[in-house]
Amino acid sequence: MAIKKTKKAVKKAVKPVEVKPEPVKPVEVKPEPVKPVEIKAPVYKVAPGKSITSKKGILGPGEEVKAEYMSGGQKTIDDRIESGHITKG
């Protein structure tokens, strides 16, 4: 024997479900502060047992050499590195 379903019974059985969306909370993103990066030029020094003449005067062994001290700038430093009068570091 089959059960007869009336329209009223079907309407009562199937109730629409109301779905309420949850409110979305905005996420606060705090950017990390950017740390400044210092670009350090390589340190050039007069080689042990050597001395060079510069705009600053005579530089002895172990003294720091900068491109601004040389009349030819960085090219002169590169040439003196090749000849062994200046070392890096």
Protein backbone atom coordinates (compact mmCIF):
# COMPACT_ATOMS: atom_id res chain seq x y z
CA MET A 1 0.00 0.00 0.00
CA ALA A 2 1.47 3.33 -1.07
CA ILE A 3 1.24 6.39 1.06
CA LYS A 4 -0.50 9.25 -0.62
CA LYS A 5 1.16 12.59 -0.18
CA THR A 6 -0.92 15.64 -0.49
CA LYS A 7 0.33 19.05 -1.51
CA LYS A 8 -0.01 20.23 2.10
CA ALA A 9 2.13 17.38 3.36
CA VAL A 10 4.84 18.11 0.78
CA LYS A 11 4.87 21.82 1.63
CA LYS A 12 5.24 21.02 5.34
CA ALA A 13 7.99 18.49 4.71
CA VAL A 14 10.12 20.76 2.53
CA LYS A 15 10.83 24.02 4.27
CA PRO A 16 13.28 26.45 2.74
CA VAL A 17 16.28 27.02 4.95
CA GLU A 18 17.37 30.58 5.44
CA VAL A 19 21.14 30.92 5.43
CA LYS A 20 22.44 34.07 6.98
CA PRO A 21 26.00 34.84 5.92
CA GLU A 22 28.36 35.75 8.72
CA PRO A 23 29.68 39.27 8.47
CA VAL A 24 33.22 39.38 7.16
CA LYS A 25 35.58 41.26 9.40
CA PRO A 26 38.23 43.26 7.56
CA VAL A 27 41.73 42.05 8.27
CA GLU A 28 44.19 44.72 9.20
CA VAL A 29 47.55 44.14 7.61
CA LYS A 30 50.33 46.21 9.02
CA PRO A 31 53.26 46.41 6.63
CA GLU A 32 56.64 45.83 8.18
CA PRO A 33 58.87 48.87 8.06
CA VAL A 34 61.42 48.70 5.29
CA LYS A 35 64.94 48.73 6.60
CA PRO A 36 67.26 50.94 4.59
CA VAL A 37 70.05 49.00 3.00
CA GLU A 38 73.41 50.63 3.07
CA ILE A 39 75.47 50.03 -0.01
CA LYS A 40 79.02 49.78 1.09
CA ALA A 41 81.79 50.38 -1.37
CA PRO A 42 84.60 47.87 -1.21
CA VAL A 43 87.41 48.90 1.10
CA TYR A 44 90.73 49.30 -0.65
CA LYS A 45 93.97 49.42 1.29
CA VAL A 46 97.59 49.96 0.43
CA ALA A 47 99.36 46.61 0.20
CA PRO A 48 101.94 45.66 2.87
CA GLY A 49 105.40 46.99 2.04
CA LYS A 50 104.02 49.48 -0.51
CA SER A 51 103.11 53.17 -0.52
CA ILE A 52 101.29 55.27 -3.09
CA THR A 53 101.02 58.98 -3.81
CA SER A 54 97.50 60.38 -3.86
CA LYS A 55 95.67 63.71 -3.72
CA LYS A 56 95.53 63.18 0.04
CA GLY A 57 99.27 62.73 0.23
CA ILE A 58 101.46 59.67 0.59
CA LEU A 59 99.51 56.64 1.80
CA GLY A 60 101.44 53.93 3.61
CA PRO A 61 100.81 50.20 4.09
CA GLY A 62 97.34 49.37 5.43
CA GLU A 63 95.89 52.85 4.88
CA GLU A 64 92.47 53.11 3.22
CA VAL A 65 92.35 54.26 -0.40
CA LYS A 66 89.25 55.83 -1.97
CA ALA A 67 88.60 56.69 -5.61
CA GLU A 68 88.34 60.37 -4.68
CA TYR A 69 91.94 60.27 -3.42
CA MET A 70 93.26 59.24 -6.84
CA SER A 71 93.57 61.60 -9.81
CA GLY A 72 92.28 58.90 -12.17
CA GLY A 73 89.50 57.76 -9.84
CA GLN A 74 88.37 54.12 -9.83
CA LYS A 75 90.39 53.30 -12.97
CA THR A 76 93.62 54.16 -11.14
CA ILE A 77 92.60 51.96 -8.20
CA ASP A 78 91.87 49.06 -10.57
CA ASP A 79 95.28 49.52 -12.24
CA ARG A 80 97.04 49.58 -8.84
CA ILE A 81 95.20 46.42 -7.78
CA GLU A 82 96.60 44.70 -10.89
CA SER A 83 100.10 45.93 -10.10
CA GLY A 84 99.80 44.76 -6.48
CA HIS A 85 100.03 48.18 -4.78
CA ILE A 86 96.41 48.17 -3.54
CA THR A 87 94.42 45.27 -2.04
CA LYS A 88 90.69 44.80 -1.50
CA GLY A 89 89.48 44.39 2.04
